[in-house]
Amino acid sequence: MKKIVLVLFVGLMGFTVTAQEKAAKIEFKSETVDYGEVAKGADGVRAFEFTNTGDAPLIITKVSSSCGCTIPKKPEDPILPGKTGEIQVKYDTNRVGPIRKAITVISNSDTPTKVLKIKGEVKAVDGK
């Protein structure tokens, strides 16, 4: 009887470990978007491309920025294993000067919090 209980226990533990191995995994093409030099008032929309390299659907629950001058937009639907998605970022290019901002991504990935960066510089056009 003890052997049967032991075999069942070991079998259930193995099943539990296998069930926990399924996880989403987010891999970004690049964790930094470089705007380079952009003119004041230019298009400030860029995107972080990523792939779910895990074996469970990836759900991005929250995307936030280090300041109000940067507006990130997350995908609403889950990203299935092997599929790609993007997080759009819009920077207010009416602010002249260097761009150094962080975007925090929270998801159900094996790494639940990722910090992405944008950088560059907004240049005034003809001294304006």
Foldseek 3Di string as FASTA:
>chain_A
DVVVVVVVVVVVVVVVVVVVQQFWAKDWPALEAEPAEAEQPDWQKDKIKIAGQTQAWKDWDDKDKPDPQKDKDDDHDTHHHGGMDIIMIGGNSNDFFWAWMWMWIAIRGPPRIDIGIYIYGYHYDPVD
